[in-house]
C-alpha cells in the first residue's frame, strides 16, 4: 500500500537501487 501509493502519487514507473551494498566476502568469513 505505501509503495504503490508513492509510485502513483509521484508518477513512477520503476525504482532503482543497489542490488546489495556489500561485495562478495571471503568464504567462511564472519558476516558483515
ModelCIF file with pLDDT and N, C-alpha, C, O atoms, coordinates in Angstrom:
data_MODEL
#
_entry.id   MODEL 
#
_entity.id                         1 
_entity.type                       polymer 
_entity.pdbx_number_of_molecules   1 
#
_entity_poly.entity_id                      1 
_entity_poly.type                           'polypeptide(L)' 
_entity_poly.nstd_linkage                   no 
_entity_poly.nstd_monomer                   no 
_entity_poly.pdbx_seq_one_letter_code       
;(UNK)(UNK)(UNK)(UNK)(UNK)(UNK)(UNK)(UNK)(UNK)(UNK)(UNK)(UNK)(UNK)(UNK)(UNK)(UNK)
(UNK)(UNK)(UNK)(UNK)(UNK)(UNK)(UNK)(UNK)(UNK)(UNK)(UNK)(UNK)(UNK)(UNK)(UNK)(UNK)
;
_entity_poly.pdbx_seq_one_letter_code_can   XXXXXXXXXXXXXXXXXXXXXXXXXXXXXXXX 
_entity_poly.pdbx_strand_id                 A 
#
loop_
_entity_poly_seq.entity_id 
_entity_poly_seq.num 
_entity_poly_seq.mon_id 
_entity_poly_seq.hetero 
1 1  UNK n 
1 2  UNK n 
1 3  UNK n 
1 4  UNK n 
1 5  UNK n 
1 6  UNK n 
1 7  UNK n 
1 8  UNK n 
1 9  UNK n 
1 10 UNK n 
1 11 UNK n 
1 12 UNK n 
1 13 UNK n 
1 14 UNK n 
1 15 UNK n 
1 16 UNK n 
1 17 UNK n 
1 18 UNK n 
1 19 UNK n 
1 20 UNK n 
1 21 UNK n 
1 22 UNK n 
1 23 UNK n 
1 24 UNK n 
1 25 UNK n 
1 26 UNK n 
1 27 UNK n 
1 28 UNK n 
1 29 UNK n 
1 30 UNK n 
1 31 UNK n 
1 32 UNK n 
#
_struct_asym.id          A 
_struct_asym.entity_id   1 
#
loop_
_ma_qa_metric.id 
_ma_qa_metric.mode 
_ma_qa_metric.name 
_ma_qa_metric.software_group_id 
_ma_qa_metric.type 
1 global pLDDT . pLDDT 
2 local  pLDDT . pLDDT 
#
_ma_qa_metric_global.metric_id      1 
_ma_qa_metric_global.metric_value   96.94 
_ma_qa_metric_global.model_id       1 
_ma_qa_metric_global.ordinal_id     1 
#
loop_
_ma_qa_metric_local.label_asym_id 
_ma_qa_metric_local.label_comp_id 
_ma_qa_metric_local.label_seq_id 
_ma_qa_metric_local.metric_id 
_ma_qa_metric_local.metric_value 
_ma_qa_metric_local.model_id 
_ma_qa_metric_local.ordinal_id 
A UNK 1  2 96.00 1 1  
A UNK 2  2 96.00 1 2  
A UNK 3  2 97.00 1 3  
A UNK 4  2 98.00 1 4  
A UNK 5  2 97.00 1 5  
A UNK 6  2 98.00 1 6  
A UNK 7  2 98.00 1 7  
A UNK 8  2 98.00 1 8  
A UNK 9  2 98.00 1 9  
A UNK 10 2 98.00 1 10 
A UNK 11 2 98.00 1 11 
A UNK 12 2 98.00 1 12 
A UNK 13 2 98.00 1 13 
A UNK 14 2 98.00 1 14 
A UNK 15 2 98.00 1 15 
A UNK 16 2 98.00 1 16 
A UNK 17 2 98.00 1 17 
A UNK 18 2 98.00 1 18 
A UNK 19 2 98.00 1 19 
A UNK 20 2 97.00 1 20 
A UNK 21 2 98.00 1 21 
A UNK 22 2 97.00 1 22 
A UNK 23 2 97.00 1 23 
A UNK 24 2 97.00 1 24 
A UNK 25 2 97.00 1 25 
A UNK 26 2 97.00 1 26 
A UNK 27 2 97.00 1 27 
A UNK 28 2 96.00 1 28 
A UNK 29 2 96.00 1 29 
A UNK 30 2 95.00 1 30 
A UNK 31 2 90.00 1 31 
A UNK 32 2 92.00 1 32 
#
loop_
_atom_site.group_PDB 
_atom_site.id 
_atom_site.type_symbol 
_atom_site.label_atom_id 
_atom_site.label_alt_id 
_atom_site.label_comp_id 
_atom_site.label_asym_id 
_atom_site.label_entity_id 
_atom_site.label_seq_id 
_atom_site.pdbx_PDB_ins_code 
_atom_site.Cartn_x 
_atom_site.Cartn_y 
_atom_site.Cartn_z 
_atom_site.occupancy 
_atom_site.B_iso_or_equiv 
_atom_site.pdbx_formal_charge 
_atom_site.auth_seq_id 
_atom_site.auth_comp_id 
_atom_site.auth_asym_id 
_atom_site.auth_atom_id 
_atom_site.pdbx_PDB_model_num 
ATOM 1   N N  . UNK A 1 1  ? 0.820  -1.209  0.000   1.00 96.00 ? 1  UNK A N  1 
ATOM 2   C CA . UNK A 1 1  ? 0.000  0.000   0.000   1.00 96.00 ? 1  UNK A CA 1 
ATOM 3   C C  . UNK A 1 1  ? 0.855  1.260   0.000   1.00 96.00 ? 1  UNK A C  1 
ATOM 4   O O  . UNK A 1 1  ? 0.620  2.174   -0.790  1.00 96.00 ? 1  UNK A O  1 
ATOM 5   N N  . UNK A 1 2  ? 1.846  1.310   0.885   1.00 96.00 ? 2  UNK A N  1 
ATOM 6   C CA . UNK A 1 2  ? 2.687  2.503   0.978   1.00 96.00 ? 2  UNK A CA 1 
ATOM 7   C C  . UNK A 1 2  ? 3.504  2.716   -0.300  1.00 96.00 ? 2  UNK A C  1 
ATOM 8   O O  . UNK A 1 2  ? 3.608  3.839   -0.793  1.00 96.00 ? 2  UNK A O  1 
ATOM 9   N N  . UNK A 1 3  ? 4.076  1.650   -0.828  1.00 97.00 ? 3  UNK A N  1 
ATOM 10  C CA . UNK A 1 3  ? 4.935  1.774   -2.007  1.00 97.00 ? 3  UNK A CA 1 
ATOM 11  C C  . UNK A 1 3  ? 4.114  2.120   -3.245  1.00 97.00 ? 3  UNK A C  1 
ATOM 12  O O  . UNK A 1 3  ? 4.487  3.008   -4.012  1.00 97.00 ? 3  UNK A O  1 
ATOM 13  N N  . UNK A 1 4  ? 3.005  1.425   -3.440  1.00 98.00 ? 4  UNK A N  1 
ATOM 14  C CA . UNK A 1 4  ? 2.178  1.702   -4.612  1.00 98.00 ? 4  UNK A CA 1 
ATOM 15  C C  . UNK A 1 4  ? 1.576  3.103   -4.559  1.00 98.00 ? 4  UNK A C  1 
ATOM 16  O O  . UNK A 1 4  ? 1.413  3.746   -5.596  1.00 98.00 ? 4  UNK A O  1 
ATOM 17  N N  . UNK A 1 5  ? 1.248  3.576   -3.369  1.00 97.00 ? 5  UNK A N  1 
ATOM 18  C CA . UNK A 1 5  ? 0.724  4.931   -3.239  1.00 97.00 ? 5  UNK A CA 1 
ATOM 19  C C  . UNK A 1 5  ? 1.778  5.962   -3.643  1.00 97.00 ? 5  UNK A C  1 
ATOM 20  O O  . UNK A 1 5  ? 1.479  6.934   -4.338  1.00 97.00 ? 5  UNK A O  1 
ATOM 21  N N  . UNK A 1 6  ? 3.007  5.734   -3.200  1.00 98.00 ? 6  UNK A N  1 
ATOM 22  C CA . UNK A 1 6  ? 4.083  6.650   -3.573  1.00 98.00 ? 6  UNK A CA 1 
ATOM 23  C C  . UNK A 1 6  ? 4.311  6.635   -5.085  1.00 98.00 ? 6  UNK A C  1 
ATOM 24  O O  . UNK A 1 6  ? 4.471  7.687   -5.703  1.00 98.00 ? 6  UNK A O  1 
ATOM 25  N N  . UNK A 1 7  ? 4.326  5.450   -5.669  1.00 98.00 ? 7  UNK A N  1 
ATOM 26  C CA . UNK A 1 7  ? 4.556  5.352   -7.115  1.00 98.00 ? 7  UNK A CA 1 
ATOM 27  C C  . UNK A 1 7  ? 3.437  6.028   -7.896  1.00 98.00 ? 7  UNK A C  1 
ATOM 28  O O  . UNK A 1 7  ? 3.683  6.650   -8.930  1.00 98.00 ? 7  UNK A O  1 
ATOM 29  N N  . UNK A 1 8  ? 2.205  5.906   -7.400  1.00 98.00 ? 8  UNK A N  1 
ATOM 30  C CA . UNK A 1 8  ? 1.083  6.559   -8.077  1.00 98.00 ? 8  UNK A CA 1 
ATOM 31  C C  . UNK A 1 8  ? 1.160  8.075   -7.936  1.00 98.00 ? 8  UNK A C  1 
ATOM 32  O O  . UNK A 1 8  ? 0.997  8.799   -8.918  1.00 98.00 ? 8  UNK A O  1 
ATOM 33  N N  . UNK A 1 9  ? 1.406  8.557   -6.720  1.00 98.00 ? 9  UNK A N  1 
ATOM 34  C CA . UNK A 1 9  ? 1.459  9.999   -6.477  1.00 98.00 ? 9  UNK A CA 1 
ATOM 35  C C  . UNK A 1 9  ? 2.565  10.677  -7.282  1.00 98.00 ? 9  UNK A C  1 
ATOM 36  O O  . UNK A 1 9  ? 2.383  11.770  -7.818  1.00 98.00 ? 9  UNK A O  1 
ATOM 37  N N  . UNK A 1 10 ? 3.711  10.006  -7.354  1.00 98.00 ? 10 UNK A N  1 
ATOM 38  C CA . UNK A 1 10 ? 4.884  10.597  -7.994  1.00 98.00 ? 10 UNK A CA 1 
ATOM 39  C C  . UNK A 1 10 ? 5.008  10.202  -9.459  1.00 98.00 ? 10 UNK A C  1 
ATOM 40  O O  . UNK A 1 10 ? 5.973  10.576  -10.125 1.00 98.00 ? 10 UNK A O  1 
ATOM 41  N N  . UNK A 1 11 ? 4.037  9.450   -9.961  1.00 98.00 ? 11 UNK A N  1 
ATOM 42  C CA . UNK A 1 11 ? 4.022  9.006   -11.356 1.00 98.00 ? 11 UNK A CA 1 
ATOM 43  C C  . UNK A 1 11 ? 5.307  8.268   -11.693 1.00 98.00 ? 11 UNK A C  1 
ATOM 44  O O  . UNK A 1 11 ? 5.994  8.594   -12.661 1.00 98.00 ? 11 UNK A O  1 
ATOM 45  N N  . UNK A 1 12 ? 5.619  7.270   -10.880 1.00 98.00 ? 12 UNK A N  1 
ATOM 46  C CA . UNK A 1 12 ? 6.844  6.486   -11.025 1.00 98.00 ? 12 UNK A CA 1 
ATOM 47  C C  . UNK A 1 12 ? 6.525  5.179   -11.746 1.00 98.00 ? 12 UNK A C  1 
ATOM 48  O O  . UNK A 1 12 ? 5.557  4.493   -11.417 1.00 98.00 ? 12 UNK A O  1 
ATOM 49  N N  . UNK A 1 13 ? 7.359  4.845   -12.739 1.00 98.00 ? 13 UNK A N  1 
ATOM 50  C CA . UNK A 1 13 ? 7.220  3.567   -13.445 1.00 98.00 ? 13 UNK A CA 1 
ATOM 51  C C  . UNK A 1 13 ? 8.035  2.462   -12.791 1.00 98.00 ? 13 UNK A C  1 
ATOM 52  O O  . UNK A 1 13 ? 7.595  1.313   -12.741 1.00 98.00 ? 13 UNK A O  1 
ATOM 53  N N  . UNK A 1 14 ? 9.219  2.797   -12.288 1.00 98.00 ? 14 UNK A N  1 
ATOM 54  C CA . UNK A 1 14 ? 10.117 1.781   -11.734 1.00 98.00 ? 14 UNK A CA 1 
ATOM 55  C C  . UNK A 1 14 ? 11.045 2.433   -10.724 1.00 98.00 ? 14 UNK A C  1 
ATOM 56  O O  . UNK A 1 14 ? 11.141 3.657   -10.644 1.00 98.00 ? 14 UNK A O  1 
ATOM 57  N N  . UNK A 1 15 ? 11.726 1.595   -9.956  1.00 98.00 ? 15 UNK A N  1 
ATOM 58  C CA . UNK A 1 15 ? 12.672 2.043   -8.944  1.00 98.00 ? 15 UNK A CA 1 
ATOM 59  C C  . UNK A 1 15 ? 14.063 1.528   -9.282  1.00 98.00 ? 15 UNK A C  1 
ATOM 60  O O  . UNK A 1 15 ? 14.205 0.513   -9.965  1.00 98.00 ? 15 UNK A O  1 
ATOM 61  N N  . UNK A 1 16 ? 15.089 2.224   -8.807  1.00 98.00 ? 16 UNK A N  1 
ATOM 62  C CA . UNK A 1 16 ? 16.466 1.796   -8.992  1.00 98.00 ? 16 UNK A CA 1 
ATOM 63  C C  . UNK A 1 16 ? 17.213 1.936   -7.675  1.00 98.00 ? 16 UNK A C  1 
ATOM 64  O O  . UNK A 1 16 ? 16.998 2.889   -6.927  1.00 98.00 ? 16 UNK A O  1 
ATOM 65  N N  . UNK A 1 17 ? 18.093 0.977   -7.398  1.00 98.00 ? 17 UNK A N  1 
ATOM 66  C CA . UNK A 1 17 ? 18.879 0.982   -6.155  1.00 98.00 ? 17 UNK A CA 1 
ATOM 67  C C  . UNK A 1 17 ? 19.938 -0.116  -6.264  1.00 98.00 ? 17 UNK A C  1 
ATOM 68  O O  . UNK A 1 17 ? 19.850 -0.947  -7.168  1.00 98.00 ? 17 UNK A O  1 
ATOM 69  N N  . UNK A 1 18 ? 20.928 -0.149  -5.384  1.00 98.00 ? 18 UNK A N  1 
ATOM 70  C CA . UNK A 1 18 ? 21.914 -1.239  -5.434  1.00 98.00 ? 18 UNK A CA 1 
ATOM 71  C C  . UNK A 1 18 ? 21.224 -2.572  -5.134  1.00 98.00 ? 18 UNK A C  1 
ATOM 72  O O  . UNK A 1 18 ? 20.400 -2.656  -4.223  1.00 98.00 ? 18 UNK A O  1 
ATOM 73  N N  . UNK A 1 19 ? 21.560 -3.606  -5.898  1.00 98.00 ? 19 UNK A N  1 
ATOM 74  C CA . UNK A 1 19 ? 21.040 -4.927  -5.537  1.00 98.00 ? 19 UNK A CA 1 
ATOM 75  C C  . UNK A 1 19 ? 21.444 -5.255  -4.111  1.00 98.00 ? 19 UNK A C  1 
ATOM 76  O O  . UNK A 1 19 ? 20.637 -5.755  -3.328  1.00 98.00 ? 19 UNK A O  1 
ATOM 77  N N  . UNK A 1 20 ? 22.675 -4.977  -3.782  1.00 97.00 ? 20 UNK A N  1 
ATOM 78  C CA . UNK A 1 20 ? 23.193 -5.130  -2.421  1.00 97.00 ? 20 UNK A CA 1 
ATOM 79  C C  . UNK A 1 20 ? 24.403 -4.242  -2.266  1.00 97.00 ? 20 UNK A C  1 
ATOM 80  O O  . UNK A 1 20 ? 25.036 -3.872  -3.255  1.00 97.00 ? 20 UNK A O  1 
ATOM 81  N N  . UNK A 1 21 ? 24.729 -3.897  -1.037  1.00 98.00 ? 21 UNK A N  1 
ATOM 82  C CA . UNK A 1 21 ? 25.810 -2.932  -0.808  1.00 98.00 ? 21 UNK A CA 1 
ATOM 83  C C  . UNK A 1 21 ? 27.177 -3.559  -0.572  1.00 98.00 ? 21 UNK A C  1 
ATOM 84  O O  . UNK A 1 21 ? 28.199 -2.956  -0.898  1.00 98.00 ? 21 UNK A O  1 
ATOM 85  N N  . UNK A 1 22 ? 27.204 -4.765  -0.008  1.00 97.00 ? 22 UNK A N  1 
ATOM 86  C CA . UNK A 1 22 ? 28.477 -5.364  0.395   1.00 97.00 ? 22 UNK A CA 1 
ATOM 87  C C  . UNK A 1 22 ? 28.941 -6.345  -0.672  1.00 97.00 ? 22 UNK A C  1 
ATOM 88  O O  . UNK A 1 22 ? 28.233 -7.310  -0.965  1.00 97.00 ? 22 UNK A O  1 
ATOM 89  N N  . UNK A 1 23 ? 30.134 -6.119  -1.270  1.00 97.00 ? 23 UNK A N  1 
ATOM 90  C CA . UNK A 1 23 ? 30.637 -7.057  -2.277  1.00 97.00 ? 23 UNK A CA 1 
ATOM 91  C C  . UNK A 1 23 ? 30.896 -8.438  -1.684  1.00 97.00 ? 23 UNK A C  1 
ATOM 92  O O  . UNK A 1 23 ? 30.840 -8.631  -0.469  1.00 97.00 ? 23 UNK A O  1 
ATOM 93  N N  . UNK A 1 24 ? 31.174 -9.372  -2.550  1.00 97.00 ? 24 UNK A N  1 
ATOM 94  C CA . UNK A 1 24 ? 31.347 -10.774 -2.175  1.00 97.00 ? 24 UNK A CA 1 
ATOM 95  C C  . UNK A 1 24 ? 32.423 -10.951 -1.100  1.00 97.00 ? 24 UNK A C  1 
ATOM 96  O O  . UNK A 1 24 ? 33.567 -10.546 -1.304  1.00 97.00 ? 24 UNK A O  1 
ATOM 97  N N  . UNK A 1 25 ? 32.067 -11.557 0.050   1.00 97.00 ? 25 UNK A N  1 
ATOM 98  C CA . UNK A 1 25 ? 33.051 -11.776 1.111   1.00 97.00 ? 25 UNK A CA 1 
ATOM 99  C C  . UNK A 1 25 ? 33.832 -13.075 0.919   1.00 97.00 ? 25 UNK A C  1 
ATOM 100 O O  . UNK A 1 25 ? 33.472 -13.909 0.088   1.00 97.00 ? 25 UNK A O  1 
ATOM 101 N N  . UNK A 1 26 ? 34.889 -13.236 1.684   1.00 97.00 ? 26 UNK A N  1 
ATOM 102 C CA . UNK A 1 26 ? 35.672 -14.465 1.677   1.00 97.00 ? 26 UNK A CA 1 
ATOM 103 C C  . UNK A 1 26 ? 34.806 -15.620 2.185   1.00 97.00 ? 26 UNK A C  1 
ATOM 104 O O  . UNK A 1 26 ? 34.034 -15.450 3.129   1.00 97.00 ? 26 UNK A O  1 
ATOM 105 N N  . UNK A 1 27 ? 34.934 -16.793 1.559   1.00 97.00 ? 27 UNK A N  1 
ATOM 106 C CA . UNK A 1 27 ? 34.200 -17.970 2.016   1.00 97.00 ? 27 UNK A CA 1 
ATOM 107 C C  . UNK A 1 27 ? 34.553 -18.292 3.464   1.00 97.00 ? 27 UNK A C  1 
ATOM 108 O O  . UNK A 1 27 ? 35.728 -18.398 3.815   1.00 97.00 ? 27 UNK A O  1 
ATOM 109 N N  . UNK A 1 28 ? 33.534 -18.445 4.294   1.00 96.00 ? 28 UNK A N  1 
ATOM 110 C CA . UNK A 1 28 ? 33.741 -18.779 5.694   1.00 96.00 ? 28 UNK A CA 1 
ATOM 111 C C  . UNK A 1 28 ? 34.081 -17.609 6.588   1.00 96.00 ? 28 UNK A C  1 
ATOM 112 O O  . UNK A 1 28 ? 34.247 -17.786 7.795   1.00 96.00 ? 28 UNK A O  1 
ATOM 113 N N  . UNK A 1 29 ? 34.190 -16.409 6.021   1.00 96.00 ? 29 UNK A N  1 
ATOM 114 C CA . UNK A 1 29 ? 34.497 -15.227 6.827   1.00 96.00 ? 29 UNK A CA 1 
ATOM 115 C C  . UNK A 1 29 ? 33.276 -14.829 7.655   1.00 96.00 ? 29 UNK A C  1 
ATOM 116 O O  . UNK A 1 29 ? 32.152 -15.195 7.310   1.00 96.00 ? 29 UNK A O  1 
ATOM 117 N N  . UNK A 1 30 ? 33.483 -14.080 8.747   1.00 95.00 ? 30 UNK A N  1 
ATOM 118 C CA . UNK A 1 30 ? 32.327 -13.597 9.519   1.00 95.00 ? 30 UNK A CA 1 
ATOM 119 C C  . UNK A 1 30 ? 31.428 -12.719 8.661   1.00 95.00 ? 30 UNK A C  1 
ATOM 120 O O  . UNK A 1 30 ? 31.899 -12.009 7.772   1.00 95.00 ? 30 UNK A O  1 
ATOM 121 N N  . UNK A 1 31 ? 30.156 -12.773 8.929   1.00 90.00 ? 31 UNK A N  1 
ATOM 122 C CA . UNK A 1 31 ? 29.212 -11.903 8.228   1.00 90.00 ? 31 UNK A CA 1 
ATOM 123 C C  . UNK A 1 31 ? 29.482 -10.447 8.549   1.00 90.00 ? 31 UNK A C  1 
ATOM 124 O O  . UNK A 1 31 ? 29.808 -10.107 9.686   1.00 90.00 ? 31 UNK A O  1 
ATOM 125 N N  . UNK A 1 32 ? 29.348 -9.595  7.562   1.00 92.00 ? 32 UNK A N  1 
ATOM 126 C CA . UNK A 1 32 ? 29.317 -8.162  7.823   1.00 92.00 ? 32 UNK A CA 1 
ATOM 127 C C  . UNK A 1 32 ? 28.070 -7.895  8.665   1.00 92.00 ? 32 UNK A C  1 
ATOM 128 O O  . UNK A 1 32 ? 27.803 -6.750  9.029   1.00 92.00 ? 32 UNK A O  1 
#
